[in-house]
N, C-alpha and C. Protein backbone atom coordinates (compact mmCIF):
# COMPACT_ATOMS: atom_id res chain seq x y z
N MET A 1 -18.10 -31.24 -3.79
CA MET A 1 -18.70 -30.77 -5.02
C MET A 1 -18.94 -29.27 -4.91
N MET A 2 -18.60 -28.55 -5.95
CA MET A 2 -18.72 -27.10 -5.94
C MET A 2 -20.15 -26.67 -6.27
N ASN A 3 -20.63 -25.71 -5.55
CA ASN A 3 -21.94 -25.15 -5.79
C ASN A 3 -21.93 -24.38 -7.11
N PRO A 4 -22.80 -24.69 -8.08
CA PRO A 4 -22.79 -23.99 -9.37
C PRO A 4 -23.05 -22.50 -9.23
N GLY A 5 -23.84 -22.11 -8.28
CA GLY A 5 -24.09 -20.68 -8.06
C GLY A 5 -22.84 -19.96 -7.61
N LYS A 6 -22.04 -20.62 -6.78
CA LYS A 6 -20.80 -20.03 -6.31
C LYS A 6 -19.80 -19.91 -7.45
N ALA A 7 -19.74 -20.90 -8.32
CA ALA A 7 -18.83 -20.85 -9.46
C ALA A 7 -19.19 -19.68 -10.37
N ARG A 8 -20.47 -19.48 -10.60
CA ARG A 8 -20.92 -18.37 -11.43
C ARG A 8 -20.57 -17.04 -10.79
N THR A 9 -20.75 -16.93 -9.47
CA THR A 9 -20.43 -15.70 -8.75
C THR A 9 -18.94 -15.41 -8.83
N THR A 10 -18.10 -16.42 -8.66
CA THR A 10 -16.65 -16.24 -8.74
C THR A 10 -16.25 -15.80 -10.14
N ALA A 11 -16.82 -16.44 -11.16
CA ALA A 11 -16.51 -16.05 -12.54
C ALA A 11 -16.97 -14.63 -12.82
N ALA A 12 -18.13 -14.27 -12.30
CA ALA A 12 -18.64 -12.91 -12.51
C ALA A 12 -17.73 -11.89 -11.85
N ARG A 13 -17.22 -12.22 -10.67
CA ARG A 13 -16.30 -11.28 -10.00
C ARG A 13 -15.02 -11.09 -10.80
N ARG A 14 -14.51 -12.18 -11.40
CA ARG A 14 -13.32 -12.06 -12.23
C ARG A 14 -13.60 -11.23 -13.48
N ALA A 15 -14.82 -11.24 -13.95
CA ALA A 15 -15.16 -10.52 -15.17
C ALA A 15 -15.41 -9.03 -14.91
N GLU A 16 -15.49 -8.63 -13.64
CA GLU A 16 -15.70 -7.23 -13.28
C GLU A 16 -14.44 -6.70 -12.61
N ALA A 17 -14.06 -5.48 -12.98
CA ALA A 17 -12.85 -4.94 -12.37
C ALA A 17 -12.86 -3.42 -12.41
N GLN A 18 -12.02 -2.87 -11.58
CA GLN A 18 -11.74 -1.44 -11.58
C GLN A 18 -10.26 -1.31 -11.87
N ALA A 19 -9.90 -0.40 -12.76
CA ALA A 19 -8.50 -0.26 -13.14
C ALA A 19 -8.06 1.19 -13.00
N LEU A 20 -7.02 1.41 -12.22
CA LEU A 20 -6.36 2.70 -12.18
C LEU A 20 -5.34 2.68 -13.31
N VAL A 21 -5.29 3.75 -14.11
CA VAL A 21 -4.36 3.78 -15.23
C VAL A 21 -3.60 5.10 -15.23
N ALA A 22 -2.27 5.01 -15.28
CA ALA A 22 -1.40 6.18 -15.35
C ALA A 22 -0.54 6.07 -16.60
N PHE A 23 -0.26 7.20 -17.23
CA PHE A 23 0.53 7.23 -18.46
C PHE A 23 1.79 8.05 -18.22
N VAL A 24 2.91 7.54 -18.72
CA VAL A 24 4.17 8.24 -18.56
C VAL A 24 4.86 8.29 -19.91
N GLN A 25 5.34 9.45 -20.27
CA GLN A 25 6.13 9.61 -21.49
C GLN A 25 7.57 9.29 -21.14
N CYS A 26 8.18 8.37 -21.89
CA CYS A 26 9.53 7.90 -21.58
C CYS A 26 10.58 8.48 -22.52
N GLY A 27 10.18 9.23 -23.47
CA GLY A 27 11.10 9.77 -24.45
C GLY A 27 10.36 9.98 -25.75
N PRO A 28 11.05 10.45 -26.74
CA PRO A 28 10.40 10.69 -28.03
C PRO A 28 9.77 9.41 -28.59
N GLY A 29 8.46 9.43 -28.72
CA GLY A 29 7.74 8.30 -29.31
C GLY A 29 7.55 7.10 -28.42
N LYS A 30 7.92 7.19 -27.14
CA LYS A 30 7.81 6.04 -26.23
C LYS A 30 7.05 6.43 -24.98
N GLY A 31 6.25 5.50 -24.51
CA GLY A 31 5.52 5.72 -23.28
C GLY A 31 5.30 4.42 -22.54
N LEU A 32 4.84 4.53 -21.30
CA LEU A 32 4.56 3.37 -20.47
C LEU A 32 3.24 3.62 -19.75
N ALA A 33 2.33 2.66 -19.85
CA ALA A 33 1.05 2.73 -19.15
C ALA A 33 1.13 1.82 -17.93
N GLY A 34 0.82 2.36 -16.77
CA GLY A 34 0.76 1.57 -15.54
C GLY A 34 -0.69 1.27 -15.23
N ILE A 35 -0.99 0.02 -14.89
CA ILE A 35 -2.36 -0.41 -14.61
C ILE A 35 -2.37 -1.11 -13.26
N ARG A 36 -3.24 -0.67 -12.37
CA ARG A 36 -3.46 -1.39 -11.10
C ARG A 36 -4.91 -1.87 -11.14
N LEU A 37 -5.05 -3.17 -11.16
CA LEU A 37 -6.36 -3.80 -11.31
C LEU A 37 -6.89 -4.23 -9.96
N THR A 38 -8.14 -3.88 -9.71
CA THR A 38 -8.82 -4.25 -8.47
C THR A 38 -10.06 -5.04 -8.84
N GLY A 39 -10.25 -6.17 -8.21
CA GLY A 39 -11.40 -7.02 -8.49
C GLY A 39 -12.66 -6.52 -7.80
N ALA A 40 -13.74 -7.24 -8.02
CA ALA A 40 -15.04 -6.87 -7.45
C ALA A 40 -15.03 -6.86 -5.93
N THR A 41 -14.12 -7.61 -5.33
CA THR A 41 -14.06 -7.66 -3.86
C THR A 41 -13.26 -6.51 -3.27
N GLY A 42 -12.61 -5.70 -4.14
CA GLY A 42 -11.84 -4.56 -3.65
C GLY A 42 -10.37 -4.83 -3.45
N SER A 43 -9.95 -6.07 -3.64
CA SER A 43 -8.53 -6.39 -3.46
C SER A 43 -7.78 -6.22 -4.79
N THR A 44 -6.53 -5.80 -4.69
CA THR A 44 -5.71 -5.64 -5.89
C THR A 44 -5.44 -7.02 -6.48
N THR A 45 -5.75 -7.17 -7.75
CA THR A 45 -5.56 -8.47 -8.41
C THR A 45 -4.38 -8.48 -9.36
N GLY A 46 -3.80 -7.32 -9.63
CA GLY A 46 -2.64 -7.31 -10.50
C GLY A 46 -2.17 -5.91 -10.83
N GLU A 47 -0.92 -5.83 -11.18
CA GLU A 47 -0.32 -4.59 -11.64
C GLU A 47 0.40 -4.90 -12.93
N TYR A 48 0.19 -4.07 -13.93
CA TYR A 48 0.77 -4.31 -15.24
C TYR A 48 1.38 -3.02 -15.75
N PHE A 49 2.45 -3.17 -16.52
CA PHE A 49 3.11 -2.02 -17.12
C PHE A 49 3.28 -2.33 -18.60
N VAL A 50 2.62 -1.53 -19.43
CA VAL A 50 2.55 -1.81 -20.86
C VAL A 50 3.24 -0.69 -21.64
N PRO A 51 4.29 -1.03 -22.38
CA PRO A 51 4.93 0.00 -23.21
C PRO A 51 4.06 0.30 -24.44
N PHE A 52 4.18 1.51 -24.94
CA PHE A 52 3.46 1.89 -26.16
C PHE A 52 4.30 2.90 -26.92
N VAL A 53 3.96 3.08 -28.18
CA VAL A 53 4.68 4.02 -29.03
C VAL A 53 3.69 4.98 -29.68
N VAL A 54 4.19 6.15 -30.01
CA VAL A 54 3.43 7.15 -30.75
C VAL A 54 4.35 7.72 -31.83
N ARG A 55 3.77 8.50 -32.70
CA ARG A 55 4.57 9.09 -33.77
C ARG A 55 5.52 10.13 -33.19
N ALA A 56 6.60 10.39 -33.90
CA ALA A 56 7.56 11.41 -33.47
C ALA A 56 6.86 12.76 -33.42
N GLY A 57 7.14 13.53 -32.40
CA GLY A 57 6.54 14.85 -32.26
C GLY A 57 5.10 14.83 -31.77
N ALA A 58 4.67 13.72 -31.20
CA ALA A 58 3.29 13.59 -30.72
C ALA A 58 3.02 14.54 -29.56
N SER A 59 1.78 14.99 -29.48
CA SER A 59 1.36 15.86 -28.37
C SER A 59 1.16 15.03 -27.11
N ASP A 60 1.08 15.70 -25.97
CA ASP A 60 0.81 15.01 -24.71
C ASP A 60 -0.50 14.23 -24.80
N GLN A 61 -1.51 14.80 -25.44
CA GLN A 61 -2.80 14.14 -25.54
C GLN A 61 -2.72 12.88 -26.42
N GLU A 62 -1.85 12.88 -27.41
CA GLU A 62 -1.66 11.67 -28.22
C GLU A 62 -1.04 10.56 -27.37
N TYR A 63 -0.14 10.92 -26.47
CA TYR A 63 0.41 9.93 -25.54
C TYR A 63 -0.69 9.38 -24.64
N VAL A 64 -1.59 10.22 -24.18
CA VAL A 64 -2.68 9.78 -23.33
C VAL A 64 -3.56 8.77 -24.06
N TYR A 65 -3.95 9.10 -25.29
CA TYR A 65 -4.78 8.18 -26.07
C TYR A 65 -4.06 6.86 -26.32
N ALA A 66 -2.78 6.92 -26.72
CA ALA A 66 -2.02 5.70 -26.99
C ALA A 66 -1.85 4.88 -25.72
N GLY A 67 -1.61 5.55 -24.59
CA GLY A 67 -1.44 4.85 -23.32
C GLY A 67 -2.71 4.15 -22.88
N LEU A 68 -3.84 4.85 -23.00
CA LEU A 68 -5.11 4.23 -22.60
C LEU A 68 -5.47 3.09 -23.54
N THR A 69 -5.20 3.25 -24.82
CA THR A 69 -5.48 2.18 -25.77
C THR A 69 -4.65 0.94 -25.43
N ALA A 70 -3.38 1.11 -25.11
CA ALA A 70 -2.52 -0.01 -24.71
C ALA A 70 -3.05 -0.67 -23.44
N ALA A 71 -3.49 0.15 -22.48
CA ALA A 71 -4.02 -0.38 -21.22
C ALA A 71 -5.31 -1.17 -21.47
N VAL A 72 -6.18 -0.64 -22.31
CA VAL A 72 -7.45 -1.31 -22.61
C VAL A 72 -7.18 -2.66 -23.29
N GLU A 73 -6.22 -2.68 -24.21
CA GLU A 73 -5.88 -3.95 -24.86
C GLU A 73 -5.40 -4.96 -23.83
N ARG A 74 -4.62 -4.52 -22.85
CA ARG A 74 -4.14 -5.43 -21.79
C ARG A 74 -5.30 -5.93 -20.93
N LEU A 75 -6.24 -5.05 -20.63
CA LEU A 75 -7.39 -5.45 -19.83
C LEU A 75 -8.24 -6.49 -20.56
N ARG A 76 -8.35 -6.36 -21.87
CA ARG A 76 -9.13 -7.34 -22.65
C ARG A 76 -8.47 -8.72 -22.59
N THR A 77 -7.14 -8.77 -22.58
CA THR A 77 -6.47 -10.07 -22.51
C THR A 77 -6.66 -10.72 -21.14
N ALA A 78 -7.07 -9.95 -20.15
CA ALA A 78 -7.33 -10.48 -18.81
C ALA A 78 -8.75 -11.03 -18.68
N GLN A 79 -9.47 -11.09 -19.79
CA GLN A 79 -10.84 -11.60 -19.85
C GLN A 79 -11.80 -10.84 -18.95
N ILE A 80 -11.58 -9.55 -18.84
CA ILE A 80 -12.49 -8.69 -18.09
C ILE A 80 -13.63 -8.30 -19.02
N GLU A 81 -14.84 -8.37 -18.51
CA GLU A 81 -15.99 -8.03 -19.33
C GLU A 81 -16.56 -6.65 -19.00
N ARG A 82 -16.50 -6.30 -17.72
CA ARG A 82 -17.00 -5.00 -17.29
C ARG A 82 -15.90 -4.32 -16.49
N VAL A 83 -15.61 -3.06 -16.86
CA VAL A 83 -14.50 -2.39 -16.21
C VAL A 83 -14.80 -0.90 -16.00
N LEU A 84 -14.37 -0.41 -14.87
CA LEU A 84 -14.37 1.02 -14.57
C LEU A 84 -12.90 1.44 -14.59
N ILE A 85 -12.55 2.31 -15.53
CA ILE A 85 -11.17 2.76 -15.69
C ILE A 85 -11.05 4.16 -15.10
N ILE A 86 -10.11 4.34 -14.20
CA ILE A 86 -9.92 5.62 -13.53
C ILE A 86 -8.61 6.22 -14.00
N VAL A 87 -8.69 7.43 -14.56
CA VAL A 87 -7.53 8.17 -15.04
C VAL A 87 -7.56 9.54 -14.37
N ASP A 88 -6.50 10.33 -14.55
CA ASP A 88 -6.51 11.67 -13.98
C ASP A 88 -6.54 12.75 -15.07
N ASP A 89 -7.12 12.42 -16.21
CA ASP A 89 -7.18 13.34 -17.34
C ASP A 89 -8.63 13.67 -17.67
N GLN A 90 -9.12 14.79 -17.14
CA GLN A 90 -10.51 15.17 -17.35
C GLN A 90 -10.80 15.46 -18.82
N GLN A 91 -9.85 16.01 -19.55
CA GLN A 91 -10.06 16.30 -20.97
C GLN A 91 -10.36 15.01 -21.74
N LEU A 92 -9.62 13.97 -21.47
CA LEU A 92 -9.84 12.67 -22.12
C LEU A 92 -11.26 12.18 -21.83
N VAL A 93 -11.67 12.24 -20.59
CA VAL A 93 -13.00 11.77 -20.20
C VAL A 93 -14.07 12.62 -20.89
N ASP A 94 -13.88 13.93 -20.92
CA ASP A 94 -14.86 14.80 -21.60
C ASP A 94 -14.98 14.45 -23.07
N GLU A 95 -13.85 14.13 -23.71
CA GLU A 95 -13.89 13.75 -25.12
C GLU A 95 -14.59 12.41 -25.32
N LEU A 96 -14.30 11.45 -24.45
CA LEU A 96 -14.94 10.13 -24.57
C LEU A 96 -16.44 10.19 -24.29
N GLU A 97 -16.86 11.11 -23.42
CA GLU A 97 -18.28 11.27 -23.11
C GLU A 97 -18.97 12.23 -24.06
N ARG A 98 -18.24 12.67 -25.08
CA ARG A 98 -18.75 13.57 -26.13
C ARG A 98 -19.22 14.92 -25.60
N LYS A 99 -18.61 15.37 -24.51
CA LYS A 99 -18.90 16.71 -24.00
C LYS A 99 -18.14 17.75 -24.81
N VAL A 100 -16.97 17.36 -25.31
CA VAL A 100 -16.16 18.21 -26.19
C VAL A 100 -15.62 17.34 -27.32
N GLU A 101 -15.35 17.95 -28.44
CA GLU A 101 -14.79 17.22 -29.58
C GLU A 101 -13.28 17.10 -29.43
N PRO A 102 -12.73 15.93 -29.74
CA PRO A 102 -11.27 15.82 -29.74
C PRO A 102 -10.71 16.64 -30.90
N SER A 103 -9.46 17.03 -30.80
CA SER A 103 -8.85 17.79 -31.89
C SER A 103 -8.79 16.92 -33.14
N ARG A 104 -8.69 17.56 -34.27
CA ARG A 104 -8.65 16.85 -35.55
C ARG A 104 -7.49 15.83 -35.57
N GLU A 105 -6.35 16.18 -34.97
CA GLU A 105 -5.19 15.29 -34.94
C GLU A 105 -5.46 14.02 -34.12
N LEU A 106 -6.40 14.09 -33.21
CA LEU A 106 -6.69 12.95 -32.34
C LEU A 106 -7.86 12.10 -32.81
N PHE A 107 -8.50 12.49 -33.89
CA PHE A 107 -9.74 11.83 -34.27
C PHE A 107 -9.56 10.32 -34.51
N LEU A 108 -8.52 9.91 -35.22
CA LEU A 108 -8.31 8.48 -35.47
C LEU A 108 -8.07 7.74 -34.16
N GLN A 109 -7.23 8.29 -33.26
CA GLN A 109 -6.98 7.65 -31.97
C GLN A 109 -8.26 7.57 -31.14
N TYR A 110 -9.09 8.61 -31.25
CA TYR A 110 -10.37 8.65 -30.55
C TYR A 110 -11.27 7.50 -31.03
N VAL A 111 -11.34 7.31 -32.34
CA VAL A 111 -12.18 6.25 -32.90
C VAL A 111 -11.64 4.87 -32.50
N ILE A 112 -10.33 4.69 -32.60
CA ILE A 112 -9.72 3.40 -32.23
C ILE A 112 -9.98 3.09 -30.76
N LEU A 113 -9.76 4.06 -29.89
CA LEU A 113 -10.00 3.85 -28.46
C LEU A 113 -11.47 3.52 -28.20
N GLY A 114 -12.37 4.24 -28.85
CA GLY A 114 -13.80 3.96 -28.70
C GLY A 114 -14.15 2.54 -29.10
N CYS A 115 -13.57 2.07 -30.21
CA CYS A 115 -13.81 0.69 -30.66
C CYS A 115 -13.29 -0.31 -29.65
N LYS A 116 -12.11 -0.05 -29.10
CA LYS A 116 -11.52 -0.96 -28.10
C LYS A 116 -12.39 -1.00 -26.84
N LEU A 117 -12.90 0.14 -26.41
CA LEU A 117 -13.77 0.17 -25.23
C LEU A 117 -15.08 -0.56 -25.50
N ASN A 118 -15.56 -0.51 -26.74
CA ASN A 118 -16.81 -1.20 -27.09
C ASN A 118 -16.67 -2.72 -27.10
N GLU A 119 -15.46 -3.24 -27.04
CA GLU A 119 -15.25 -4.69 -26.98
C GLU A 119 -15.65 -5.26 -25.63
N PHE A 120 -15.73 -4.42 -24.61
CA PHE A 120 -16.18 -4.85 -23.29
C PHE A 120 -17.70 -4.91 -23.28
N ARG A 121 -18.25 -5.72 -22.40
CA ARG A 121 -19.70 -5.71 -22.22
C ARG A 121 -20.11 -4.34 -21.67
N ARG A 122 -19.29 -3.81 -20.77
CA ARG A 122 -19.52 -2.48 -20.20
C ARG A 122 -18.16 -1.91 -19.80
N ALA A 123 -17.89 -0.70 -20.26
CA ALA A 123 -16.65 -0.01 -19.89
C ALA A 123 -16.96 1.46 -19.68
N LYS A 124 -16.39 2.02 -18.65
CA LYS A 124 -16.57 3.44 -18.36
C LYS A 124 -15.22 3.99 -17.93
N VAL A 125 -14.90 5.16 -18.46
CA VAL A 125 -13.68 5.85 -18.10
C VAL A 125 -14.08 7.09 -17.32
N VAL A 126 -13.51 7.25 -16.12
CA VAL A 126 -13.80 8.41 -15.28
C VAL A 126 -12.50 9.08 -14.87
N ALA A 127 -12.59 10.35 -14.58
CA ALA A 127 -11.42 11.10 -14.10
C ALA A 127 -11.54 11.29 -12.60
N ALA A 128 -10.44 11.06 -11.91
CA ALA A 128 -10.39 11.25 -10.47
C ALA A 128 -8.93 11.39 -10.06
N THR A 129 -8.74 11.95 -8.90
CA THR A 129 -7.40 11.99 -8.33
C THR A 129 -7.44 11.19 -7.04
N SER A 130 -6.39 10.45 -6.80
CA SER A 130 -6.31 9.68 -5.56
C SER A 130 -4.86 9.39 -5.25
N SER A 131 -4.62 9.08 -4.01
CA SER A 131 -3.25 8.74 -3.61
C SER A 131 -2.82 7.44 -4.27
N ARG A 132 -3.75 6.51 -4.47
CA ARG A 132 -3.40 5.24 -5.13
C ARG A 132 -3.00 5.48 -6.58
N LEU A 133 -3.66 6.41 -7.25
CA LEU A 133 -3.31 6.73 -8.64
C LEU A 133 -1.95 7.43 -8.68
N GLU A 134 -1.68 8.30 -7.72
CA GLU A 134 -0.36 8.96 -7.65
C GLU A 134 0.74 7.96 -7.36
N GLN A 135 0.48 6.98 -6.49
CA GLN A 135 1.46 5.93 -6.21
C GLN A 135 1.75 5.12 -7.48
N LEU A 136 0.71 4.81 -8.22
CA LEU A 136 0.88 4.07 -9.48
C LEU A 136 1.69 4.90 -10.47
N ARG A 137 1.40 6.19 -10.57
CA ARG A 137 2.15 7.05 -11.48
C ARG A 137 3.62 7.08 -11.09
N SER A 138 3.92 7.23 -9.80
CA SER A 138 5.31 7.25 -9.33
C SER A 138 6.03 5.94 -9.66
N LYS A 139 5.35 4.84 -9.44
CA LYS A 139 5.94 3.53 -9.74
C LYS A 139 6.17 3.38 -11.24
N THR A 140 5.24 3.86 -12.05
CA THR A 140 5.37 3.79 -13.51
C THR A 140 6.53 4.67 -13.98
N GLU A 141 6.65 5.87 -13.40
CA GLU A 141 7.76 6.76 -13.76
C GLU A 141 9.10 6.12 -13.40
N SER A 142 9.17 5.51 -12.23
CA SER A 142 10.40 4.86 -11.79
C SER A 142 10.77 3.70 -12.71
N LEU A 143 9.80 2.90 -13.04
CA LEU A 143 10.04 1.77 -13.94
C LEU A 143 10.45 2.27 -15.33
N ALA A 144 9.79 3.30 -15.82
CA ALA A 144 10.12 3.86 -17.14
C ALA A 144 11.55 4.37 -17.16
N ALA A 145 11.96 5.04 -16.10
CA ALA A 145 13.33 5.55 -16.03
C ALA A 145 14.33 4.41 -16.01
N THR A 146 13.98 3.31 -15.34
CA THR A 146 14.86 2.15 -15.28
C THR A 146 14.95 1.45 -16.63
N ILE A 147 13.81 1.24 -17.24
CA ILE A 147 13.76 0.53 -18.52
C ILE A 147 14.49 1.30 -19.61
N TYR A 148 14.20 2.57 -19.69
CA TYR A 148 14.75 3.38 -20.76
C TYR A 148 16.06 4.06 -20.37
N ASP A 149 16.50 3.82 -19.12
CA ASP A 149 17.78 4.36 -18.64
C ASP A 149 17.90 5.85 -18.93
N ALA A 150 16.81 6.55 -18.71
CA ALA A 150 16.80 7.98 -18.98
C ALA A 150 15.96 8.68 -17.93
N PRO A 151 16.47 8.83 -16.70
CA PRO A 151 15.66 9.38 -15.61
C PRO A 151 15.12 10.78 -15.90
N LEU A 152 15.76 11.55 -16.73
CA LEU A 152 15.27 12.89 -17.02
C LEU A 152 14.18 12.91 -18.06
N LEU A 153 14.04 11.83 -18.84
CA LEU A 153 13.02 11.80 -19.88
C LEU A 153 11.65 11.40 -19.36
N ALA A 154 11.60 10.58 -18.33
CA ALA A 154 10.31 10.10 -17.83
C ALA A 154 9.59 11.25 -17.14
N HIS A 155 8.41 11.57 -17.64
CA HIS A 155 7.58 12.56 -16.95
C HIS A 155 6.12 12.22 -17.15
N ALA A 156 5.34 12.66 -16.22
CA ALA A 156 3.91 12.39 -16.27
C ALA A 156 3.28 13.17 -17.40
N ILE A 157 2.28 12.59 -17.97
CA ILE A 157 1.55 13.27 -19.04
C ILE A 157 0.36 13.97 -18.44
């Protein structure tokens, strides 16, 4: 017979996660978000690669917003309730923390992303650099080049 306290603890651990997220532009209007999910115990629980689209002529920052929005939607389908999302874009974090205003062109994406983040019980986006994030970015770039068969188009945002 399973201990009810242990079942609750296991479920709580599944509901908490840390996610490294990297965004790669794959060509005009196309991008790929790489997600490396780590559970409460510190072990990697999954890696996901989510394609996304933006309008033609989108800025690098529009790709960042679209990529993070796609990643957040994927995290919600994993039934995560509390998440720490680690990206390498300090400008994005400053905008989300309301330290600076997003540009007028990004306002709708900013609102949409904020609403998606509010669907979690607790979500925080922080900026950091790490070798694990760089490894994820490299893997995402490689996959993007393979999928879109355009090795020169895939570049980090």
